[in-house]
């Protein structure tokens, strides 16, 4: 797990066609504020890859760059070999139809029942007859264990059930890539374990590629093939689950162990405490 420029040990070293996503020396920012600095990562096809780091370090920004919501200041963002920033409107929409997204807390449509939430993507992007849509929706709900909840409204679901419905919706069109933004946030231990195993099993069963943005180190280490650690807009470490567990790098150890102080300081920058107490006016 080299510090700084971490190489993806799971990535093919030859044919780029084996890569679902590739970011090369990507820099992004808003006006004078730089969010990402020289980010490079490769996401091999069929793998589950986690992007981890503290709040505000740029993890979700990476997902937005991959999805084409944002354009980098410099560098390359490739999805299935296509340069995302160079796609026109039609090309971008065509690419997005091949990407599933599970938003933080699920983001279900509150005025639609479970069935219609999952069917929405299929109705929006295909001309399939209702009978076939019904079969597809029930198949996806069955895969996440919620076929019997098809008639329920989102307000009738637990947090874990809502996340599973959102997962069924994300894979409704059998995408080549699924991106997960904090899929474990707010879940109880049982639901968290269920969602984690579903991400792994659906990835393997459907032959898709998964990018998981999360803070949950423990659950991620059980399901992912590779992890990237981001801090202050840079990749500071990367490795397989086994490499992360064995790592002696300070940032990785602090993150894995949940230590309050370390490379990520507990105290916000301030002048000396004694000086502060003795200050007048």
Protein backbone atom coordinates (compact mmCIF):
# COMPACT_ATOMS: atom_id res chain seq x y z
CA UNK A 1 0.00 0.00 0.00
CA UNK A 2 2.29 2.79 -1.18
CA UNK A 3 1.52 6.28 0.05
CA UNK A 4 0.62 9.06 -2.42
CA UNK A 5 0.56 7.63 -5.95
CA UNK A 6 -1.08 4.30 -5.14
CA UNK A 7 -1.22 1.74 -7.93
CA UNK A 8 -4.33 -0.41 -8.26
CA UNK A 9 -2.98 -3.93 -7.82
CA UNK A 10 -6.22 -5.46 -9.11
CA UNK A 11 -6.22 -3.44 -12.33
CA UNK A 12 -5.09 -5.06 -15.58
CA UNK A 13 -1.76 -3.67 -16.70
CA UNK A 14 -2.34 -4.22 -20.40
CA UNK A 15 -5.64 -3.79 -22.21
CA UNK A 16 -7.65 -0.74 -21.12
CA UNK A 17 -10.78 -2.51 -22.37
CA UNK A 18 -10.66 -4.47 -19.13
CA UNK A 19 -11.35 -1.23 -17.23
CA UNK A 20 -14.86 0.02 -16.55
CA UNK A 21 -13.67 3.40 -15.24
CA UNK A 22 -10.35 5.18 -15.42
CA UNK A 23 -9.39 8.53 -13.90
CA UNK A 24 -5.99 9.93 -14.87
CA UNK A 25 -4.45 12.91 -13.07
CA UNK A 26 -7.87 14.51 -12.50
CA UNK A 27 -8.06 17.95 -10.90
CA UNK A 28 -11.33 19.67 -10.02
CA UNK A 29 -12.39 22.73 -8.09
CA UNK A 30 -14.92 25.51 -7.65
CA UNK A 31 -13.50 28.94 -8.52
CA UNK A 32 -10.45 29.37 -6.29
CA UNK A 33 -11.15 26.29 -4.14
CA UNK A 34 -9.52 23.06 -5.32
CA UNK A 35 -11.42 19.90 -4.35
CA UNK A 36 -9.44 17.17 -6.14
CA UNK A 37 -5.74 17.27 -6.96
CA UNK A 38 -4.20 14.81 -9.40
CA UNK A 39 -6.57 11.92 -8.71
CA UNK A 40 -5.76 8.70 -10.61
CA UNK A 41 -7.62 5.43 -10.17
CA UNK A 42 -8.69 2.43 -12.20
CA UNK A 43 -11.86 0.39 -11.69
CA UNK A 44 -11.59 -3.05 -13.36
CA UNK A 45 -14.71 -4.61 -14.83
CA UNK A 46 -16.59 -6.92 -12.50
CA UNK A 47 -14.94 -5.62 -9.33
CA UNK A 48 -16.31 -3.89 -6.22
CA UNK A 49 -14.12 -0.89 -5.38
CA UNK A 50 -14.54 1.40 -2.37
CA UNK A 51 -13.59 5.07 -2.11
CA UNK A 52 -13.10 6.07 1.51
CA UNK A 53 -12.11 9.19 3.40
CA UNK A 54 -13.36 11.84 5.78
CA UNK A 55 -16.33 14.11 5.16
CA UNK A 56 -15.65 16.74 2.53
CA UNK A 57 -12.55 15.06 1.09
CA UNK A 58 -14.01 14.79 -2.44
CA UNK A 59 -15.46 11.26 -2.57
CA UNK A 60 -18.90 12.20 -3.91
CA UNK A 61 -17.27 14.67 -6.30
CA UNK A 62 -15.49 11.71 -7.90
CA UNK A 63 -18.85 10.01 -8.50
CA UNK A 64 -20.21 13.21 -10.07
CA UNK A 65 -17.23 13.40 -12.40
CA UNK A 66 -17.75 9.80 -13.47
CA UNK A 67 -21.46 10.45 -14.08
CA UNK A 68 -20.76 13.60 -16.08
CA UNK A 69 -22.48 16.01 -13.68
CA UNK A 70 -19.17 17.82 -13.32
CA UNK A 71 -16.24 18.36 -15.68
CA UNK A 72 -12.64 18.26 -14.48
CA UNK A 73 -10.32 21.22 -14.77
CA UNK A 74 -7.72 18.84 -16.15
CA UNK A 75 -7.10 15.13 -16.56
CA UNK A 76 -9.11 12.32 -18.13
CA UNK A 77 -12.31 10.59 -16.99
CA UNK A 78 -13.09 7.47 -19.02
CA UNK A 79 -16.16 5.25 -18.63
CA UNK A 80 -16.18 2.12 -20.77
CA UNK A 81 -13.42 3.69 -22.84
CA UNK A 82 -15.33 6.92 -23.56
CA UNK A 83 -14.14 10.34 -22.41
CA UNK A 84 -17.03 11.57 -20.26
CA UNK A 85 -16.20 15.32 -20.41
CA UNK A 86 -16.17 15.16 -24.24
CA UNK A 87 -19.61 13.55 -24.63
CA UNK A 88 -22.41 15.66 -26.07
CA UNK A 89 -25.87 15.72 -24.49
CA UNK A 90 -27.12 12.62 -26.32
CA UNK A 91 -23.90 10.73 -25.67
CA UNK A 92 -24.03 11.59 -21.97
CA UNK A 93 -27.62 10.39 -21.62
CA UNK A 94 -26.77 7.21 -23.51
CA UNK A 95 -23.87 6.54 -21.13
CA UNK A 96 -25.99 7.27 -18.04
CA UNK A 97 -28.56 4.68 -19.10
CA UNK A 98 -25.81 2.12 -18.52
CA UNK A 99 -25.08 3.40 -15.01
CA UNK A 100 -27.15 2.67 -11.91
CA UNK A 101 -27.04 4.97 -8.90
CA UNK A 102 -27.95 4.29 -5.30
CA UNK A 103 -28.26 7.63 -3.56
CA UNK A 104 -27.62 8.23 0.11
CA UNK A 105 -30.70 7.09 2.12
CA UNK A 106 -32.26 5.62 -1.06
CA UNK A 107 -34.05 8.71 -2.44
CA UNK A 108 -37.23 6.81 -3.32
CA UNK A 109 -40.15 8.64 -4.90
CA UNK A 110 -42.46 9.17 -1.94
CA UNK A 111 -45.68 9.23 -3.97
CA UNK A 112 -44.98 5.90 -5.70
CA UNK A 113 -45.21 2.44 -4.18
CA UNK A 114 -42.30 0.02 -4.18
CA UNK A 115 -43.27 -1.57 -7.49
CA UNK A 116 -43.57 1.77 -9.31
CA UNK A 117 -40.28 3.02 -7.86
CA UNK A 118 -38.44 0.10 -9.42
CA UNK A 119 -40.49 0.26 -12.62
CA UNK A 120 -39.81 3.98 -13.10
CA UNK A 121 -36.39 3.55 -14.70
CA UNK A 122 -37.65 0.80 -17.01
CA UNK A 123 -40.65 2.88 -18.13
CA UNK A 124 -38.48 5.95 -18.62
CA UNK A 125 -35.87 4.33 -20.84
CA UNK A 126 -37.63 1.48 -22.66
CA UNK A 127 -40.81 0.76 -24.59
CA UNK A 128 -41.36 -2.62 -22.99
CA UNK A 129 -44.96 -3.82 -22.53
CA UNK A 130 -46.47 -3.73 -19.04
CA UNK A 131 -46.42 -7.52 -18.75
CA UNK A 132 -42.66 -7.67 -19.27
CA UNK A 133 -42.07 -4.67 -16.97
CA UNK A 134 -44.03 -6.48 -14.28
CA UNK A 135 -41.87 -9.59 -14.64
CA UNK A 136 -38.64 -7.56 -14.54
CA UNK A 137 -39.68 -5.56 -11.48
CA UNK A 138 -40.73 -8.66 -9.56
CA UNK A 139 -37.45 -10.34 -10.51
CA UNK A 140 -35.40 -7.41 -9.16
CA UNK A 141 -37.48 -7.19 -5.99
CA UNK A 142 -37.13 -10.92 -5.49
CA UNK A 143 -33.35 -10.55 -5.78
CA UNK A 144 -33.33 -8.12 -2.83
CA UNK A 145 -35.88 -10.14 -0.83
CA UNK A 146 -38.77 -7.68 -1.16
CA UNK A 147 -41.11 -9.14 -3.78
CA UNK A 148 -43.80 -9.30 -1.09
CA UNK A 149 -43.44 -5.57 -0.40
CA UNK A 150 -44.25 -4.47 -3.97
CA UNK A 151 -47.48 -2.72 -2.92
CA UNK A 152 -46.05 -0.83 0.05
CA UNK A 153 -45.37 2.90 0.08
CA UNK A 154 -41.91 4.25 1.04
CA UNK A 155 -43.32 5.54 4.36
CA UNK A 156 -44.19 1.94 5.27
CA UNK A 157 -40.61 0.72 4.83
CA UNK A 158 -37.80 0.48 7.35
CA UNK A 159 -34.50 2.17 6.51
CA UNK A 160 -32.95 -1.12 5.45
CA UNK A 161 -35.93 -2.06 3.28
CA UNK A 162 -35.90 1.35 1.58
CA UNK A 163 -32.20 0.92 0.77
CA UNK A 164 -32.91 -2.51 -0.73
CA UNK A 165 -35.70 -1.11 -2.91
CA UNK A 166 -33.33 1.61 -4.08
CA UNK A 167 -30.80 -1.11 -4.92
CA UNK A 168 -33.41 -2.99 -6.96
CA UNK A 169 -34.14 0.25 -8.83
CA UNK A 170 -30.43 0.88 -9.43
CA UNK A 171 -30.00 -2.50 -11.18
CA UNK A 172 -33.38 -2.49 -12.93
CA UNK A 173 -31.83 -2.02 -16.39
CA UNK A 174 -28.87 -4.37 -15.78
CA UNK A 175 -26.30 -1.54 -15.90
CA UNK A 176 -22.61 -2.07 -16.59
CA UNK A 177 -21.72 0.14 -13.62
CA UNK A 178 -23.45 0.90 -10.30
CA UNK A 179 -22.33 3.74 -8.03
CA UNK A 180 -23.26 3.75 -4.34
CA UNK A 181 -23.15 6.97 -2.29
CA UNK A 182 -22.96 6.01 1.40
CA UNK A 183 -25.15 2.88 1.07
CA UNK A 184 -24.64 1.91 4.75
CA UNK A 185 -25.48 5.27 6.33
CA UNK A 186 -28.10 5.10 9.10
CA UNK A 187 -28.64 1.33 8.97
CA UNK A 188 -28.84 -1.04 11.92
CA UNK A 189 -26.20 -3.83 12.02
CA UNK A 190 -28.50 -6.47 10.47
CA UNK A 191 -29.69 -4.23 7.62
CA UNK A 192 -26.13 -3.04 7.07
CA UNK A 193 -24.91 -6.61 6.67
CA UNK A 194 -27.81 -7.47 4.33
CA UNK A 195 -27.19 -4.47 2.07
CA UNK A 196 -23.46 -5.15 2.00
CA UNK A 197 -23.92 -8.76 0.95
CA UNK A 198 -26.51 -7.75 -1.67
CA UNK A 199 -24.03 -5.33 -3.24
CA UNK A 200 -21.47 -8.12 -3.52
CA UNK A 201 -23.89 -10.81 -4.70
CA UNK A 202 -25.67 -8.65 -7.28
CA UNK A 203 -22.33 -7.40 -8.60
CA UNK A 204 -21.16 -10.97 -9.19
CA UNK A 205 -24.49 -12.39 -10.38
CA UNK A 206 -25.13 -9.60 -12.90
CA UNK A 207 -21.51 -9.19 -13.98
CA UNK A 208 -21.52 -5.47 -13.22
CA UNK A 209 -18.91 -3.15 -11.72
CA UNK A 210 -19.51 -1.35 -8.43
CA UNK A 211 -18.04 1.82 -6.92
CA UNK A 212 -18.91 2.29 -3.26
CA UNK A 213 -18.37 5.62 -1.49
CA UNK A 214 -18.57 4.93 2.23
CA UNK A 215 -17.20 5.63 5.71
CA UNK A 216 -17.90 2.09 6.91
CA UNK A 217 -14.52 0.41 6.95
CA UNK A 218 -15.62 -2.79 8.68
CA UNK A 219 -18.44 -3.62 6.25
CA UNK A 220 -16.44 -2.56 3.20
CA UNK A 221 -13.53 -4.83 4.02
CA UNK A 222 -15.92 -7.80 3.88
CA UNK A 223 -17.19 -7.15 0.35
CA UNK A 224 -14.78 -5.06 -1.73
CA UNK A 225 -11.91 -6.10 -3.97
CA UNK A 226 -9.97 -2.87 -3.61
CA UNK A 227 -10.04 0.40 -1.64
CA UNK A 228 -8.86 3.93 -2.29
CA UNK A 229 -8.35 6.35 0.61
CA UNK A 230 -8.83 10.03 -0.18
CA UNK A 231 -7.70 12.92 2.02
CA UNK A 232 -7.74 16.61 1.17
CA UNK A 233 -8.47 15.86 -2.47
CA UNK A 234 -5.64 13.37 -2.98
CA UNK A 235 -5.34 9.59 -2.95
CA UNK A 236 -3.16 8.91 0.08
CA UNK A 237 -3.34 5.11 0.13
CA UNK A 238 -4.85 2.18 -1.74
CA UNK A 239 -4.90 -1.58 -1.56
CA UNK A 240 -6.83 -4.80 -1.28
CA UNK A 241 -8.83 -5.60 1.85
CA UNK A 242 -5.98 -7.78 3.14
CA UNK A 243 -3.44 -5.01 2.51
CA UNK A 244 -5.61 -2.48 4.33
CA UNK A 245 -5.95 -4.74 7.36
CA UNK A 246 -2.18 -5.25 7.48
CA UNK A 247 -1.22 -1.65 6.70
CA UNK A 248 0.89 0.33 9.15
CA UNK A 249 0.29 3.66 7.40
CA UNK A 250 -0.85 6.25 9.91
CA UNK A 251 -3.82 7.54 7.91
CA UNK A 252 -5.13 4.04 7.15
CA UNK A 253 -4.70 2.88 10.75
CA UNK A 254 -6.53 5.97 12.05
CA UNK A 255 -9.39 5.40 9.64
CA UNK A 256 -9.67 1.65 10.24
CA UNK A 257 -9.47 2.00 14.02
CA UNK A 258 -11.61 5.14 14.24
CA UNK A 259 -8.94 6.96 16.26
CA UNK A 260 -9.97 10.55 17.11
CA UNK A 261 -6.53 12.01 16.46
CA UNK A 262 -3.75 11.33 13.97
CA UNK A 263 -3.04 12.55 10.43
CA UNK A 264 -6.65 13.80 10.53
CA UNK A 265 -6.44 16.05 13.63
CA UNK A 266 -9.09 16.20 16.35
CA UNK A 267 -8.62 19.94 16.91
CA UNK A 268 -9.53 22.52 14.28
CA UNK A 269 -6.51 24.80 13.66
CA UNK A 270 -6.32 27.51 16.32
CA UNK A 271 -3.77 29.50 18.27
CA UNK A 272 -2.36 27.99 21.46
CA UNK A 273 -4.87 27.14 24.18
CA UNK A 274 -2.92 29.01 26.88
CA UNK A 275 -2.60 32.03 24.62
CA UNK A 276 -6.34 31.90 23.95
CA UNK A 277 -7.18 31.78 27.66
CA UNK A 278 -4.87 34.66 28.51
CA UNK A 279 -6.08 36.81 25.66
CA UNK A 280 -8.06 39.91 26.55
CA UNK A 281 -10.66 41.65 24.39
